[in-house]
Amino acid sequence: MQAKNPKDSLVIMNELVLPNDTNMMHNLMGGRLLYWMDIAAAMSAQKHSNRLVVTASVDNVSFQKGISLGDAVTIEARVTRAFNKSMEVRLDVWAQNIPSGTKEKSNEAYYTFVALDEAGKPVAVPEIAPETEDDHIMYSGALRRRQLRLILSGRMEPSDATELKALFMAAKHDV
């Protein structure tokens, strides 16, 4: 299976915040944004794996800036690293007020997807071949993020998290 570049999985999705998408303060409801993010991330993972995918995990999503009624929402998603049968997808969300010309970052997150075969069983996915400096940064941090997800889900013992231990041990020796 030939490796793919992160740019090959890039998805840019745009939505307009309409009244039905908002809360009583006329801001985009968080659940609606998470729904849109899941769709964009799934498309990215599907482009990378050429398979149907299911969401395995959603990392912490912090809302840095509210998104208002009438704003255009742009969600950029791309695969940062592929493991055996799973893929980490980075999402960046932007809110744009088109009449005023302002565009601000609203939030970012990492989602994990598993690719499935025709029988619905997990299947191997192509590796990622980072190209840009940003690709390399995202790629190198993905193993630490994966180990943290596995620890938090109870599927890995903290003592087995070699990348996280190395990170903390390096910080301890630097002091």
N, C-alpha and C. Protein backbone atom coordinates (compact mmCIF):
# COMPACT_ATOMS: atom_id res chain seq x y z
N MET A 1 0.85 -1.17 0.00
CA MET A 1 0.00 0.00 0.00
C MET A 1 0.90 1.24 0.00
N GLN A 2 0.67 2.11 -0.95
CA GLN A 2 1.50 3.30 -1.10
C GLN A 2 1.09 4.40 -0.13
N ALA A 3 2.09 5.04 0.48
CA ALA A 3 1.85 6.15 1.41
C ALA A 3 1.22 7.33 0.66
N LYS A 4 0.46 8.13 1.42
CA LYS A 4 -0.18 9.31 0.85
C LYS A 4 0.27 10.54 1.63
N ASN A 5 0.17 11.69 0.99
CA ASN A 5 0.50 12.96 1.63
C ASN A 5 -0.72 13.52 2.34
N PRO A 6 -0.52 14.30 3.41
CA PRO A 6 -1.66 14.92 4.09
C PRO A 6 -2.53 15.76 3.16
N LYS A 7 -1.92 16.44 2.20
CA LYS A 7 -2.71 17.28 1.29
C LYS A 7 -3.71 16.46 0.47
N ASP A 8 -3.43 15.17 0.29
CA ASP A 8 -4.34 14.31 -0.48
C ASP A 8 -5.66 14.09 0.25
N SER A 9 -5.65 14.28 1.57
CA SER A 9 -6.87 14.05 2.34
C SER A 9 -7.55 15.35 2.75
N LEU A 10 -7.05 16.48 2.26
CA LEU A 10 -7.60 17.78 2.65
C LEU A 10 -9.06 17.91 2.22
N VAL A 11 -9.89 18.31 3.18
CA VAL A 11 -11.29 18.62 2.93
C VAL A 11 -11.53 20.02 3.47
N ILE A 12 -12.14 20.86 2.66
CA ILE A 12 -12.55 22.20 3.10
C ILE A 12 -14.06 22.26 2.94
N MET A 13 -14.74 22.38 4.07
CA MET A 13 -16.19 22.37 4.09
C MET A 13 -16.69 23.73 4.57
N ASN A 14 -17.68 24.26 3.90
CA ASN A 14 -18.26 25.56 4.27
C ASN A 14 -19.73 25.40 4.61
N GLU A 15 -20.15 26.09 5.66
CA GLU A 15 -21.55 26.10 6.08
C GLU A 15 -21.91 27.53 6.45
N LEU A 16 -23.16 27.86 6.28
CA LEU A 16 -23.67 29.16 6.69
C LEU A 16 -24.51 28.96 7.94
N VAL A 17 -24.28 29.76 8.98
CA VAL A 17 -25.02 29.63 10.23
C VAL A 17 -26.40 30.27 10.05
N LEU A 18 -27.42 29.44 10.07
CA LEU A 18 -28.80 29.87 9.89
C LEU A 18 -29.52 29.87 11.24
N PRO A 19 -30.69 30.50 11.32
CA PRO A 19 -31.40 30.56 12.61
C PRO A 19 -31.61 29.20 13.28
N ASN A 20 -31.88 28.17 12.52
CA ASN A 20 -32.12 26.85 13.09
C ASN A 20 -30.85 26.23 13.69
N ASP A 21 -29.67 26.78 13.39
CA ASP A 21 -28.39 26.27 13.90
C ASP A 21 -27.97 26.95 15.20
N THR A 22 -28.74 27.93 15.66
CA THR A 22 -28.28 28.77 16.77
C THR A 22 -29.04 28.52 18.07
N ASN A 23 -28.42 29.00 19.15
CA ASN A 23 -29.04 28.96 20.47
C ASN A 23 -29.82 30.26 20.69
N MET A 24 -30.28 30.48 21.92
CA MET A 24 -31.09 31.66 22.22
C MET A 24 -30.30 32.97 22.13
N MET A 25 -28.98 32.88 22.11
CA MET A 25 -28.13 34.08 21.99
C MET A 25 -27.67 34.31 20.56
N HIS A 26 -28.26 33.56 19.63
CA HIS A 26 -27.96 33.67 18.20
C HIS A 26 -26.52 33.27 17.86
N ASN A 27 -25.97 32.35 18.67
CA ASN A 27 -24.66 31.78 18.39
C ASN A 27 -24.84 30.33 17.94
N LEU A 28 -23.93 29.87 17.12
CA LEU A 28 -23.96 28.49 16.64
C LEU A 28 -23.94 27.53 17.83
N MET A 29 -24.84 26.56 17.83
CA MET A 29 -24.84 25.55 18.89
C MET A 29 -23.62 24.65 18.73
N GLY A 30 -22.98 24.34 19.86
CA GLY A 30 -21.78 23.50 19.84
C GLY A 30 -22.02 22.14 19.21
N GLY A 31 -23.17 21.56 19.48
CA GLY A 31 -23.49 20.25 18.91
C GLY A 31 -23.58 20.27 17.40
N ARG A 32 -24.10 21.36 16.86
CA ARG A 32 -24.19 21.49 15.40
C ARG A 32 -22.79 21.57 14.80
N LEU A 33 -21.91 22.36 15.46
CA LEU A 33 -20.53 22.47 14.97
C LEU A 33 -19.83 21.11 15.03
N LEU A 34 -20.01 20.38 16.14
CA LEU A 34 -19.39 19.05 16.25
C LEU A 34 -19.89 18.11 15.15
N TYR A 35 -21.16 18.21 14.82
CA TYR A 35 -21.74 17.42 13.72
C TYR A 35 -21.06 17.74 12.40
N TRP A 36 -20.92 19.04 12.11
CA TRP A 36 -20.25 19.44 10.87
C TRP A 36 -18.79 18.98 10.87
N MET A 37 -18.13 19.11 12.01
CA MET A 37 -16.72 18.69 12.10
C MET A 37 -16.58 17.19 11.86
N ASP A 38 -17.51 16.40 12.39
CA ASP A 38 -17.47 14.95 12.21
C ASP A 38 -17.62 14.59 10.73
N ILE A 39 -18.49 15.29 10.03
CA ILE A 39 -18.67 15.04 8.59
C ILE A 39 -17.38 15.37 7.83
N ALA A 40 -16.80 16.55 8.08
CA ALA A 40 -15.57 16.95 7.38
C ALA A 40 -14.44 15.97 7.67
N ALA A 41 -14.29 15.59 8.94
CA ALA A 41 -13.22 14.67 9.32
C ALA A 41 -13.42 13.30 8.68
N ALA A 42 -14.66 12.82 8.64
CA ALA A 42 -14.94 11.52 8.02
C ALA A 42 -14.60 11.55 6.53
N MET A 43 -14.95 12.64 5.85
CA MET A 43 -14.61 12.73 4.43
C MET A 43 -13.10 12.70 4.23
N SER A 44 -12.36 13.37 5.10
CA SER A 44 -10.90 13.38 5.01
C SER A 44 -10.34 11.97 5.19
N ALA A 45 -10.82 11.28 6.22
CA ALA A 45 -10.36 9.91 6.48
C ALA A 45 -10.73 8.97 5.33
N GLN A 46 -11.91 9.18 4.74
CA GLN A 46 -12.32 8.35 3.60
C GLN A 46 -11.43 8.61 2.39
N LYS A 47 -11.08 9.88 2.16
CA LYS A 47 -10.19 10.20 1.04
C LYS A 47 -8.84 9.53 1.23
N HIS A 48 -8.36 9.49 2.48
CA HIS A 48 -7.05 8.87 2.73
C HIS A 48 -7.11 7.36 2.56
N SER A 49 -8.13 6.74 3.10
CA SER A 49 -8.19 5.27 3.14
C SER A 49 -8.93 4.65 1.96
N ASN A 50 -9.70 5.44 1.23
CA ASN A 50 -10.58 4.93 0.17
C ASN A 50 -11.51 3.84 0.71
N ARG A 51 -11.95 4.05 1.94
CA ARG A 51 -12.83 3.09 2.63
C ARG A 51 -13.91 3.86 3.38
N LEU A 52 -14.94 3.12 3.78
CA LEU A 52 -15.88 3.67 4.74
C LEU A 52 -15.16 3.76 6.08
N VAL A 53 -15.50 4.74 6.88
CA VAL A 53 -14.83 4.93 8.17
C VAL A 53 -15.87 5.18 9.26
N VAL A 54 -15.45 4.91 10.49
CA VAL A 54 -16.27 5.23 11.66
C VAL A 54 -15.44 6.05 12.63
N THR A 55 -16.12 6.93 13.35
CA THR A 55 -15.44 7.75 14.35
C THR A 55 -15.06 6.88 15.53
N ALA A 56 -13.78 6.90 15.91
CA ALA A 56 -13.30 6.13 17.07
C ALA A 56 -13.16 7.02 18.30
N SER A 57 -12.73 8.27 18.10
CA SER A 57 -12.60 9.18 19.24
C SER A 57 -12.59 10.62 18.77
N VAL A 58 -12.96 11.49 19.68
CA VAL A 58 -12.91 12.93 19.48
C VAL A 58 -12.13 13.49 20.65
N ASP A 59 -11.02 14.16 20.37
CA ASP A 59 -10.23 14.77 21.44
C ASP A 59 -10.94 16.00 21.97
N ASN A 60 -10.35 16.58 22.98
CA ASN A 60 -10.89 17.78 23.59
C ASN A 60 -11.14 18.85 22.53
N VAL A 61 -12.34 19.40 22.56
CA VAL A 61 -12.69 20.49 21.65
C VAL A 61 -12.99 21.71 22.50
N SER A 62 -12.17 22.73 22.38
CA SER A 62 -12.37 23.97 23.11
C SER A 62 -12.86 25.04 22.15
N PHE A 63 -13.90 25.73 22.55
CA PHE A 63 -14.46 26.78 21.71
C PHE A 63 -13.79 28.10 22.11
N GLN A 64 -12.88 28.56 21.26
CA GLN A 64 -12.11 29.76 21.55
C GLN A 64 -12.86 31.03 21.22
N LYS A 65 -13.75 30.95 20.25
CA LYS A 65 -14.48 32.14 19.78
C LYS A 65 -15.86 31.69 19.33
N GLY A 66 -16.87 32.41 19.77
CA GLY A 66 -18.23 32.11 19.35
C GLY A 66 -18.42 32.35 17.86
N ILE A 67 -19.38 31.64 17.30
CA ILE A 67 -19.72 31.80 15.89
C ILE A 67 -21.17 32.29 15.85
N SER A 68 -21.40 33.39 15.17
CA SER A 68 -22.69 34.06 15.20
C SER A 68 -23.60 33.70 14.03
N LEU A 69 -24.88 33.96 14.25
CA LEU A 69 -25.87 33.83 13.19
C LEU A 69 -25.41 34.63 11.97
N GLY A 70 -25.44 34.01 10.81
CA GLY A 70 -25.04 34.68 9.58
C GLY A 70 -23.58 34.49 9.20
N ASP A 71 -22.76 33.99 10.15
CA ASP A 71 -21.35 33.75 9.83
C ASP A 71 -21.20 32.57 8.86
N ALA A 72 -20.17 32.62 8.07
CA ALA A 72 -19.77 31.48 7.25
C ALA A 72 -18.73 30.69 8.04
N VAL A 73 -18.94 29.40 8.15
CA VAL A 73 -18.02 28.53 8.89
C VAL A 73 -17.21 27.73 7.87
N THR A 74 -15.90 27.76 8.02
CA THR A 74 -15.01 26.96 7.17
C THR A 74 -14.31 25.95 8.07
N ILE A 75 -14.43 24.69 7.70
CA ILE A 75 -13.79 23.60 8.44
C ILE A 75 -12.76 22.96 7.52
N GLU A 76 -11.50 22.97 7.97
CA GLU A 76 -10.43 22.33 7.21
C GLU A 76 -10.03 21.07 7.95
N ALA A 77 -10.03 19.95 7.24
CA ALA A 77 -9.69 18.65 7.84
C ALA A 77 -8.66 17.96 6.97
N ARG A 78 -7.69 17.31 7.65
CA ARG A 78 -6.69 16.52 6.91
C ARG A 78 -6.12 15.45 7.84
N VAL A 79 -5.74 14.34 7.27
CA VAL A 79 -5.14 13.26 8.04
C VAL A 79 -3.71 13.66 8.38
N THR A 80 -3.37 13.56 9.68
CA THR A 80 -2.02 13.93 10.13
C THR A 80 -1.12 12.72 10.26
N ARG A 81 -1.73 11.56 10.58
CA ARG A 81 -0.95 10.33 10.70
C ARG A 81 -1.89 9.14 10.61
N ALA A 82 -1.39 8.09 10.02
CA ALA A 82 -2.15 6.85 9.93
C ALA A 82 -1.41 5.78 10.72
N PHE A 83 -2.16 5.05 11.50
CA PHE A 83 -1.60 3.93 12.24
C PHE A 83 -2.03 2.67 11.50
N ASN A 84 -2.06 1.54 12.11
CA ASN A 84 -2.37 0.32 11.38
C ASN A 84 -3.74 0.39 10.70
N LYS A 85 -4.78 0.61 11.49
CA LYS A 85 -6.14 0.64 10.95
C LYS A 85 -6.88 1.94 11.28
N SER A 86 -6.17 2.86 11.89
CA SER A 86 -6.81 4.11 12.29
C SER A 86 -6.05 5.30 11.73
N MET A 87 -6.76 6.43 11.70
CA MET A 87 -6.18 7.67 11.18
C MET A 87 -6.54 8.80 12.12
N GLU A 88 -5.57 9.68 12.39
CA GLU A 88 -5.83 10.89 13.15
C GLU A 88 -6.09 12.00 12.14
N VAL A 89 -7.19 12.75 12.37
CA VAL A 89 -7.56 13.86 11.50
C VAL A 89 -7.54 15.16 12.30
N ARG A 90 -6.83 16.15 11.80
CA ARG A 90 -6.77 17.48 12.43
C ARG A 90 -7.84 18.36 11.78
N LEU A 91 -8.56 19.08 12.63
CA LEU A 91 -9.57 20.00 12.14
C LEU A 91 -9.27 21.41 12.63
N ASP A 92 -9.39 22.39 11.75
CA ASP A 92 -9.29 23.79 12.09
C ASP A 92 -10.60 24.44 11.63
N VAL A 93 -11.21 25.22 12.52
CA VAL A 93 -12.50 25.83 12.24
C VAL A 93 -12.35 27.35 12.25
N TRP A 94 -12.89 27.99 11.22
CA TRP A 94 -12.82 29.44 11.07
C TRP A 94 -14.24 29.98 10.93
N ALA A 95 -14.48 31.15 11.53
CA ALA A 95 -15.75 31.84 11.38
C ALA A 95 -15.49 33.14 10.62
N GLN A 96 -16.29 33.37 9.60
CA GLN A 96 -16.11 34.58 8.80
C GLN A 96 -17.42 35.36 8.72
N ASN A 97 -17.32 36.63 9.06
CA ASN A 97 -18.44 37.54 8.86
C ASN A 97 -18.19 38.17 7.50
N ILE A 98 -18.89 37.71 6.51
CA ILE A 98 -18.61 38.13 5.14
C ILE A 98 -18.83 39.63 4.93
N PRO A 99 -19.95 40.22 5.40
CA PRO A 99 -20.12 41.68 5.17
C PRO A 99 -19.00 42.54 5.76
N SER A 100 -18.49 42.15 6.95
CA SER A 100 -17.43 42.97 7.56
C SER A 100 -16.03 42.57 7.09
N GLY A 101 -15.93 41.40 6.48
CA GLY A 101 -14.62 40.93 6.00
C GLY A 101 -13.74 40.36 7.08
N THR A 102 -14.29 40.08 8.26
CA THR A 102 -13.48 39.52 9.35
C THR A 102 -13.53 38.00 9.32
N LYS A 103 -12.40 37.39 9.66
CA LYS A 103 -12.30 35.94 9.72
C LYS A 103 -11.44 35.60 10.93
N GLU A 104 -11.99 34.78 11.83
CA GLU A 104 -11.27 34.41 13.04
C GLU A 104 -11.34 32.91 13.27
N LYS A 105 -10.27 32.38 13.86
CA LYS A 105 -10.26 30.96 14.19
C LYS A 105 -11.17 30.72 15.39
N SER A 106 -12.03 29.74 15.26
CA SER A 106 -12.97 29.41 16.33
C SER A 106 -12.44 28.29 17.21
N ASN A 107 -11.96 27.22 16.59
CA ASN A 107 -11.41 26.11 17.37
C ASN A 107 -10.65 25.13 16.49
N GLU A 108 -10.06 24.16 17.16
CA GLU A 108 -9.33 23.08 16.49
C GLU A 108 -9.56 21.81 17.28
N ALA A 109 -9.35 20.69 16.65
CA ALA A 109 -9.56 19.41 17.33
C ALA A 109 -8.89 18.30 16.53
N TYR A 110 -8.77 17.15 17.16
CA TYR A 110 -8.30 15.93 16.51
C TYR A 110 -9.38 14.87 16.66
N TYR A 111 -9.72 14.22 15.55
CA TYR A 111 -10.65 13.10 15.56
C TYR A 111 -9.87 11.88 15.10
N THR A 112 -10.30 10.71 15.55
CA THR A 112 -9.69 9.46 15.10
C THR A 112 -10.75 8.61 14.43
N PHE A 113 -10.40 8.05 13.29
CA PHE A 113 -11.30 7.20 12.52
C PHE A 113 -10.67 5.85 12.26
N VAL A 114 -11.50 4.84 12.13
CA VAL A 114 -11.07 3.49 11.77
C VAL A 114 -11.69 3.17 10.41
N ALA A 115 -10.88 2.64 9.51
CA ALA A 115 -11.36 2.25 8.19
C ALA A 115 -11.95 0.84 8.26
N LEU A 116 -13.00 0.62 7.46
CA LEU A 116 -13.69 -0.68 7.48
C LEU A 116 -13.70 -1.31 6.10
N ASP A 117 -13.65 -2.66 6.09
CA ASP A 117 -13.79 -3.38 4.83
C ASP A 117 -15.28 -3.59 4.53
N GLU A 118 -15.57 -4.35 3.48
CA GLU A 118 -16.95 -4.55 3.05
C GLU A 118 -17.79 -5.28 4.10
N ALA A 119 -17.15 -6.04 4.98
CA ALA A 119 -17.85 -6.78 6.04
C ALA A 119 -17.97 -5.96 7.33
N GLY A 120 -17.46 -4.72 7.30
CA GLY A 120 -17.53 -3.88 8.48
C GLY A 120 -16.44 -4.14 9.50
N LYS A 121 -15.39 -4.82 9.07
CA LYS A 121 -14.25 -5.12 9.95
C LYS A 121 -13.13 -4.11 9.71
N PRO A 122 -12.39 -3.74 10.77
CA PRO A 122 -11.26 -2.82 10.58
C PRO A 122 -10.25 -3.35 9.56
N VAL A 123 -9.71 -2.44 8.77
CA VAL A 123 -8.79 -2.81 7.69
C VAL A 123 -7.61 -1.83 7.70
N ALA A 124 -6.46 -2.31 7.21
CA ALA A 124 -5.25 -1.49 7.16
C ALA A 124 -5.44 -0.27 6.26
N VAL A 125 -4.74 0.82 6.62
CA VAL A 125 -4.81 2.06 5.85
C VAL A 125 -3.40 2.45 5.40
N PRO A 126 -3.31 3.25 4.33
CA PRO A 126 -1.99 3.71 3.88
C PRO A 126 -1.31 4.60 4.93
N GLU A 127 0.00 4.58 4.92
CA GLU A 127 0.77 5.46 5.80
C GLU A 127 0.69 6.89 5.29
N ILE A 128 1.11 7.81 6.14
CA ILE A 128 1.21 9.23 5.75
C ILE A 128 2.68 9.55 5.48
N ALA A 129 2.91 10.27 4.40
CA ALA A 129 4.25 10.76 4.07
C ALA A 129 4.22 12.28 4.19
N PRO A 130 4.65 12.82 5.35
CA PRO A 130 4.61 14.27 5.53
C PRO A 130 5.52 14.98 4.54
N GLU A 131 5.07 16.16 4.08
CA GLU A 131 5.86 16.93 3.12
C GLU A 131 6.34 18.25 3.72
N THR A 132 5.42 19.02 4.25
CA THR A 132 5.76 20.37 4.73
C THR A 132 6.25 20.30 6.18
N GLU A 133 6.79 21.42 6.66
CA GLU A 133 7.22 21.50 8.05
C GLU A 133 6.03 21.27 8.99
N ASP A 134 4.89 21.88 8.66
CA ASP A 134 3.68 21.69 9.46
C ASP A 134 3.25 20.22 9.46
N ASP A 135 3.33 19.56 8.30
CA ASP A 135 3.00 18.13 8.22
C ASP A 135 3.86 17.32 9.18
N HIS A 136 5.16 17.63 9.21
CA HIS A 136 6.10 16.91 10.08
C HIS A 136 5.79 17.15 11.55
N ILE A 137 5.43 18.37 11.90
CA ILE A 137 5.09 18.69 13.30
C ILE A 137 3.85 17.91 13.72
N MET A 138 2.81 17.94 12.89
CA MET A 138 1.57 17.21 13.19
C MET A 138 1.83 15.70 13.27
N TYR A 139 2.63 15.20 12.34
CA TYR A 139 2.95 13.77 12.28
C TYR A 139 3.69 13.33 13.55
N SER A 140 4.70 14.09 13.95
CA SER A 140 5.51 13.67 15.10
C SER A 140 4.72 13.73 16.40
N GLY A 141 3.79 14.67 16.52
CA GLY A 141 2.99 14.76 17.74
C GLY A 141 1.86 13.75 17.80
N ALA A 142 1.53 13.15 16.68
CA ALA A 142 0.38 12.24 16.62
C ALA A 142 0.55 11.00 17.50
N LEU A 143 1.74 10.46 17.60
CA LEU A 143 1.94 9.27 18.42
C LEU A 143 1.73 9.60 19.90
N ARG A 144 2.18 10.75 20.34
CA ARG A 144 1.94 11.16 21.74
C ARG A 144 0.44 11.36 21.99
N ARG A 145 -0.23 12.01 21.05
CA ARG A 145 -1.68 12.20 21.21
C ARG A 145 -2.40 10.87 21.23
N ARG A 146 -1.95 9.92 20.39
CA ARG A 146 -2.58 8.59 20.35
C ARG A 146 -2.37 7.87 21.68
N GLN A 147 -1.16 7.92 22.20
CA GLN A 147 -0.90 7.25 23.47
C GLN A 147 -1.74 7.85 24.59
N LEU A 148 -1.90 9.17 24.59
CA LEU A 148 -2.73 9.81 25.60
C LEU A 148 -4.19 9.36 25.47
N ARG A 149 -4.69 9.29 24.23
CA ARG A 149 -6.07 8.81 24.01
C ARG A 149 -6.23 7.40 24.54
N LEU A 150 -5.25 6.54 24.27
CA LEU A 150 -5.32 5.14 24.71
C LEU A 150 -5.27 5.02 26.22
N ILE A 151 -4.47 5.85 26.87
CA ILE A 151 -4.41 5.85 28.34
C ILE A 151 -5.75 6.30 28.91
N LEU A 152 -6.28 7.40 28.38
CA LEU A 152 -7.54 7.93 28.89
C LEU A 152 -8.71 6.98 28.67
N SER A 153 -8.65 6.16 27.62
CA SER A 153 -9.72 5.20 27.35
C SER A 153 -9.52 3.89 28.10
N GLY A 154 -8.39 3.77 28.82
CA GLY A 154 -8.11 2.55 29.57
C GLY A 154 -7.55 1.41 28.73
N ARG A 155 -7.16 1.70 27.50
CA ARG A 155 -6.62 0.65 26.62
C ARG A 155 -5.10 0.60 26.60
N MET A 156 -4.45 1.47 27.39
CA MET A 156 -2.99 1.46 27.52
C MET A 156 -2.64 1.86 28.94
N GLU A 157 -1.66 1.19 29.47
CA GLU A 157 -1.14 1.55 30.78
C GLU A 157 -0.18 2.73 30.62
N PRO A 158 -0.22 3.69 31.53
CA PRO A 158 0.70 4.83 31.41
C PRO A 158 2.16 4.41 31.31
N SER A 159 2.52 3.32 31.98
CA SER A 159 3.92 2.86 31.93
C SER A 159 4.33 2.37 30.55
N ASP A 160 3.35 2.05 29.68
CA ASP A 160 3.66 1.59 28.32
C ASP A 160 3.73 2.71 27.30
N ALA A 161 3.45 3.92 27.71
CA ALA A 161 3.41 5.07 26.79
C ALA A 161 4.82 5.61 26.59
N THR A 162 5.58 4.96 25.75
CA THR A 162 6.99 5.30 25.56
C THR A 162 7.21 6.72 25.09
N GLU A 163 6.36 7.22 24.18
CA GLU A 163 6.52 8.57 23.66
C GLU A 163 6.23 9.61 24.73
N LEU A 164 5.23 9.36 25.55
CA LEU A 164 4.90 10.31 26.62
C LEU A 164 5.97 10.29 27.70
N LYS A 165 6.45 9.09 28.04
CA LYS A 165 7.53 9.00 29.04
C LYS A 165 8.76 9.75 28.56
N ALA A 166 9.10 9.57 27.29
CA ALA A 166 10.27 10.23 26.74
C ALA A 166 10.10 11.76 26.79
N LEU A 167 8.91 12.22 26.55
CA LEU A 167 8.63 13.66 26.58
C LEU A 167 8.83 14.20 28.00
N PHE A 168 8.27 13.50 28.99
CA PHE A 168 8.39 13.97 30.37
C PHE A 168 9.81 13.78 30.93
N MET A 169 10.46 12.72 30.51
CA MET A 169 11.83 12.49 30.98
C MET A 169 12.76 13.54 30.38
N ALA A 170 12.54 13.91 29.12
CA ALA A 170 13.37 14.95 28.50
C ALA A 170 13.17 16.28 29.21
N ALA A 171 11.91 16.58 29.57
CA ALA A 171 11.62 17.83 30.27
C ALA A 171 12.25 17.81 31.66
N LYS A 172 12.26 16.67 32.31
CA LYS A 172 12.83 16.54 33.65
C LYS A 172 14.34 16.77 33.61
N HIS A 173 15.00 16.25 32.57
CA HIS A 173 16.46 16.39 32.45
C HIS A 173 16.86 17.79 32.01
N ASP A 174 15.94 18.52 31.34
CA ASP A 174 16.24 19.87 30.87
C ASP A 174 16.21 20.90 32.00
N VAL A 175 15.56 20.55 33.10
CA VAL A 175 15.39 21.52 34.21
C VAL A 175 16.69 21.72 34.95
